[in-house]
Amino acid sequence: MQCRFCGSNDIREEILTNSVHYGKYICNNCGENLDWIKKPKNINSKKRKVTPLKENVNYCQICLRTKDKLGNDNSLTEHHILPYNIFPEFDEYKDNRLVVCSRCHEAINLIQRMFNTFNNMELRNAIL
C-alpha cells in the first residue's frame, strides 16, 4: 500500500479499541489515515448459547406492535441493553434484554453507534 497523500510506502496498522472500526492503516511519514481495516471473520466468533425470547412477550417493547401487526419483513428479536461484545457476563440475564421488532432494533443500534460515548467501566460499576 502506498500513501495517497505523500507517496510513502511506510504504512502501519493500528488496531482500535472502543470503536466501531477494527483498525486503520496510517502513513508513518505524514500521519494520514489511509483506510479502515476490516474485522477478521474469526475474531470474537466464539459460539455462544442462544436463549429464547423473554417468556410471554409477543410484542415490541419499543413501538408496542404485536407480532401479528409487524408484517412479513419485520420480526421480533432480542436486543442486549449492555452489548454482548463488551459485557458477555450479562448474556444470561433476562433483564439485560428487550424484545424488539427488527426496525426498532436497527434504530437502537444506530443510536448506540452515534452516541457511543459512555465509559464502559463506569457503566459496569453502575450496573453492579
C-alpha atoms as a PDB file:
ATOM      1  CA  MET A   1       0.000   0.000   0.000  1.00  0.00           C
ATOM      2  CA  GLN A   2       1.210   3.476  -0.825  1.00  0.00           C
ATOM      3  CA  CYS A   3       0.135   6.722   0.860  1.00  0.00           C
ATOM      4  CA  ARG A   4      -2.077   8.725  -1.478  1.00  0.00           C
ATOM      5  CA  PHE A   5      -1.047  11.940   0.303  1.00  0.00           C
ATOM      6  CA  CYS A   6       2.769  11.763   0.361  1.00  0.00           C
ATOM      7  CA  GLY A   7       3.572   8.666  -1.731  1.00  0.00           C
ATOM      8  CA  SER A   8       5.385   6.858   1.103  1.00  0.00           C
ATOM      9  CA  ASN A   9       5.304   3.050   1.408  1.00  0.00           C
ATOM     10  CA  ASP A  10       5.927   3.208   5.175  1.00  0.00           C
ATOM     11  CA  ILE A  11       2.453   2.193   6.388  1.00  0.00           C
ATOM     12  CA  ARG A  12       1.466   0.813   9.804  1.00  0.00           C
ATOM     13  CA  GLU A  13      -1.649  -0.931  11.062  1.00  0.00           C
ATOM     14  CA  GLU A  14      -3.307   0.397  14.193  1.00  0.00           C
ATOM     15  CA  ILE A  15      -5.899  -1.808  15.938  1.00  0.00           C
ATOM     16  CA  LEU A  16      -8.576   0.281  17.668  1.00  0.00           C
ATOM     17  CA  THR A  17     -10.475  -0.357  20.881  1.00  0.00           C
ATOM     18  CA  ASN A  18     -13.837   1.185  21.827  1.00  0.00           C
ATOM     19  CA  SER A  19     -14.553   1.992  18.195  1.00  0.00           C
ATOM     20  CA  VAL A  20     -16.974   0.775  15.561  1.00  0.00           C
ATOM     21  CA  HIS A  21     -13.905   0.163  13.387  1.00  0.00           C
ATOM     22  CA  TYR A  22     -11.486  -2.726  13.930  1.00  0.00           C
ATOM     23  CA  GLY A  23      -8.410  -0.766  12.915  1.00  0.00           C
ATOM     24  CA  LYS A  24      -6.873   1.612  10.432  1.00  0.00           C
ATOM     25  CA  TYR A  25      -3.872   1.960   8.126  1.00  0.00           C
ATOM     26  CA  ILE A  26      -1.756   5.027   8.896  1.00  0.00           C
ATOM     27  CA  CYS A  27       1.138   6.535   6.968  1.00  0.00           C
ATOM     28  CA  ASN A  28       4.226   6.729   9.202  1.00  0.00           C
ATOM     29  CA  ASN A  29       5.585   9.585   7.101  1.00  0.00           C
ATOM     30  CA  CYS A  30       2.671  12.077   7.092  1.00  0.00           C
ATOM     31  CA  GLY A  31       0.373  10.505   9.731  1.00  0.00           C
ATOM     32  CA  GLU A  32      -2.711  10.422   7.499  1.00  0.00           C
ATOM     33  CA  ASN A  33      -5.413   7.761   7.926  1.00  0.00           C
ATOM     34  CA  LEU A  34      -5.376   5.819   4.650  1.00  0.00           C
ATOM     35  CA  ASP A  35      -8.092   3.198   5.069  1.00  0.00           C
ATOM     36  CA  TRP A  36     -10.069   1.184   7.605  1.00  0.00           C
ATOM     37  CA  ILE A  37      -9.075  -2.399   8.434  1.00  0.00           C
ATOM     38  CA  LYS A  38     -11.963  -4.844   8.215  1.00  0.00           C
ATOM     39  CA  LYS A  39     -12.559  -7.031  11.244  1.00  0.00           C
ATOM     40  CA  PRO A  40     -11.361 -10.593  10.609  1.00  0.00           C
ATOM     41  CA  LYS A  41     -14.254 -13.059  10.475  1.00  0.00           C
ATOM     42  CA  ASN A  42     -12.771 -15.391  13.082  1.00  0.00           C
ATOM     43  CA  ILE A  43     -12.116 -12.796  15.797  1.00  0.00           C
ATOM     44  CA  ASN A  44     -14.607 -12.924  18.690  1.00  0.00           C
ATOM     45  CA  SER A  45     -16.547 -15.613  16.858  1.00  0.00           C
ATOM     46  CA  LYS A  46     -16.809 -17.895  19.871  1.00  0.00           C
ATOM     47  CA  LYS A  47     -20.128 -19.713  19.668  1.00  0.00           C
ATOM     48  CA  ARG A  48     -22.464 -18.804  22.462  1.00  0.00           C
ATOM     49  CA  LYS A  49     -25.639 -20.342  23.683  1.00  0.00           C
ATOM     50  CA  VAL A  50     -28.725 -18.738  22.172  1.00  0.00           C
ATOM     51  CA  THR A  51     -31.557 -18.407  24.638  1.00  0.00           C
ATOM     52  CA  PRO A  52     -35.209 -17.924  23.722  1.00  0.00           C
ATOM     53  CA  LEU A  53     -37.044 -14.622  23.781  1.00  0.00           C
ATOM     54  CA  LYS A  54     -38.329 -13.354  27.087  1.00  0.00           C
ATOM     55  CA  GLU A  55     -41.200 -15.542  28.117  1.00  0.00           C
ATOM     56  CA  ASN A  56     -44.709 -14.349  27.235  1.00  0.00           C
ATOM     57  CA  VAL A  57     -43.542 -11.232  25.380  1.00  0.00           C
ATOM     58  CA  ASN A  58     -45.094 -11.266  21.915  1.00  0.00           C
ATOM     59  CA  TYR A  59     -44.770  -7.547  21.124  1.00  0.00           C
ATOM     60  CA  CYS A  60     -42.036  -4.992  20.516  1.00  0.00           C
ATOM     61  CA  GLN A  61     -41.154  -3.353  23.834  1.00  0.00           C
ATOM     62  CA  ILE A  62     -40.320  -0.095  21.999  1.00  0.00           C
ATOM     63  CA  CYS A  63     -43.153   0.514  19.497  1.00  0.00           C
ATOM     64  CA  LEU A  64     -45.617  -1.884  21.225  1.00  0.00           C
ATOM     65  CA  ARG A  65     -46.673  -3.541  17.956  1.00  0.00           C
ATOM     66  CA  THR A  66     -47.710  -7.162  18.390  1.00  0.00           C
ATOM     67  CA  LYS A  67     -46.173  -9.957  16.364  1.00  0.00           C
ATOM     68  CA  ASP A  68     -49.201 -10.201  14.050  1.00  0.00           C
ATOM     69  CA  LYS A  69     -49.028  -6.434  13.246  1.00  0.00           C
ATOM     70  CA  LEU A  70     -45.353  -6.430  12.185  1.00  0.00           C
ATOM     71  CA  GLY A  71     -45.717  -7.640   8.610  1.00  0.00           C
ATOM     72  CA  ASN A  72     -43.622 -10.108   6.623  1.00  0.00           C
ATOM     73  CA  ASP A  73     -40.362  -8.137   6.529  1.00  0.00           C
ATOM     74  CA  ASN A  74     -40.302  -7.434  10.261  1.00  0.00           C
ATOM     75  CA  SER A  75     -39.875  -9.905  13.118  1.00  0.00           C
ATOM     76  CA  LEU A  76     -39.250  -9.931  16.859  1.00  0.00           C
ATOM     77  CA  THR A  77     -35.735 -10.340  18.162  1.00  0.00           C
ATOM     78  CA  GLU A  78     -33.819  -9.625  21.346  1.00  0.00           C
ATOM     79  CA  HIS A  79     -31.621  -6.607  21.970  1.00  0.00           C
ATOM     80  CA  HIS A  80     -28.906  -6.674  24.628  1.00  0.00           C
ATOM     81  CA  ILE A  81     -29.083  -3.448  26.629  1.00  0.00           C
ATOM     82  CA  LEU A  82     -25.479  -3.943  27.709  1.00  0.00           C
ATOM     83  CA  PRO A  83     -23.767  -5.074  24.485  1.00  0.00           C
ATOM     84  CA  TYR A  84     -22.685  -8.716  24.465  1.00  0.00           C
ATOM     85  CA  ASN A  85     -19.281  -7.957  22.941  1.00  0.00           C
ATOM     86  CA  ILE A  86     -18.437  -5.621  25.873  1.00  0.00           C
ATOM     87  CA  PHE A  87     -20.324  -7.352  28.704  1.00  0.00           C
ATOM     88  CA  PRO A  88     -20.523 -11.088  27.907  1.00  0.00           C
ATOM     89  CA  GLU A  89     -21.086 -11.901  31.589  1.00  0.00           C
ATOM     90  CA  PHE A  90     -24.565 -10.312  31.389  1.00  0.00           C
ATOM     91  CA  ASP A  91     -25.673 -12.505  28.469  1.00  0.00           C
ATOM     92  CA  GLU A  92     -27.789 -14.807  30.619  1.00  0.00           C
ATOM     93  CA  TYR A  93     -29.618 -12.007  32.460  1.00  0.00           C
ATOM     94  CA  LYS A  94     -33.125 -11.611  31.053  1.00  0.00           C
ATOM     95  CA  ASP A  95     -33.269  -8.055  32.469  1.00  0.00           C
ATOM     96  CA  ASN A  96     -30.435  -7.166  30.090  1.00  0.00           C
ATOM     97  CA  ARG A  97     -32.675  -7.878  27.091  1.00  0.00           C
ATOM     98  CA  LEU A  98     -35.520  -6.192  25.304  1.00  0.00           C
ATOM     99  CA  VAL A  99     -37.825  -7.879  22.820  1.00  0.00           C
ATOM    100  CA  VAL A 100     -37.914  -5.543  19.829  1.00  0.00           C
ATOM    101  CA  CYS A 101     -39.007  -5.656  16.212  1.00  0.00           C
ATOM    102  CA  SER A 102     -36.274  -5.601  13.582  1.00  0.00           C
ATOM    103  CA  ARG A 103     -36.979  -1.945  12.662  1.00  0.00           C
ATOM    104  CA  CYS A 104     -36.687  -0.754  16.261  1.00  0.00           C
ATOM    105  CA  HIS A 105     -33.584  -2.942  16.697  1.00  0.00           C
ATOM    106  CA  GLU A 106     -31.907  -1.201  13.746  1.00  0.00           C
ATOM    107  CA  ALA A 107     -32.829   2.199  15.196  1.00  0.00           C
ATOM    108  CA  ILE A 108     -31.475   1.296  18.650  1.00  0.00           C
ATOM    109  CA  ASN A 109     -28.195   0.050  17.185  1.00  0.00           C
ATOM    110  CA  LEU A 110     -27.842   3.200  15.065  1.00  0.00           C
ATOM    111  CA  ILE A 111     -28.406   5.451  18.083  1.00  0.00           C
ATOM    112  CA  GLN A 112     -25.903   3.435  20.137  1.00  0.00           C
ATOM    113  CA  ARG A 113     -23.288   3.786  17.384  1.00  0.00           C
ATOM    114  CA  MET A 114     -23.949   7.524  17.042  1.00  0.00           C
ATOM    115  CA  PHE A 115     -23.733   8.201  20.770  1.00  0.00           C
ATOM    116  CA  ASN A 116     -21.170   5.607  21.805  1.00  0.00           C
ATOM    117  CA  THR A 117     -19.552   7.906  24.345  1.00  0.00           C
ATOM    118  CA  PHE A 118     -20.247   6.096  27.602  1.00  0.00           C
ATOM    119  CA  ASN A 119     -17.326   4.863  29.641  1.00  0.00           C
ATOM    120  CA  ASN A 120     -17.637   1.073  29.819  1.00  0.00           C
ATOM    121  CA  MET A 121     -16.158   0.786  33.300  1.00  0.00           C
ATOM    122  CA  GLU A 122     -18.449   3.465  34.747  1.00  0.00           C
ATOM    123  CA  LEU A 123     -21.435   1.725  33.172  1.00  0.00           C
ATOM    124  CA  ARG A 124     -20.328  -1.655  34.515  1.00  0.00           C
ATOM    125  CA  ASN A 125     -19.900  -0.198  38.028  1.00  0.00           C
ATOM    126  CA  ALA A 126     -23.321   1.453  37.866  1.00  0.00           C
ATOM    127  CA  ILE A 127     -24.946  -1.885  36.977  1.00  0.00           C
ATOM    128  CA  LEU A 128     -23.140  -3.899  39.619  1.00  0.00           C
END
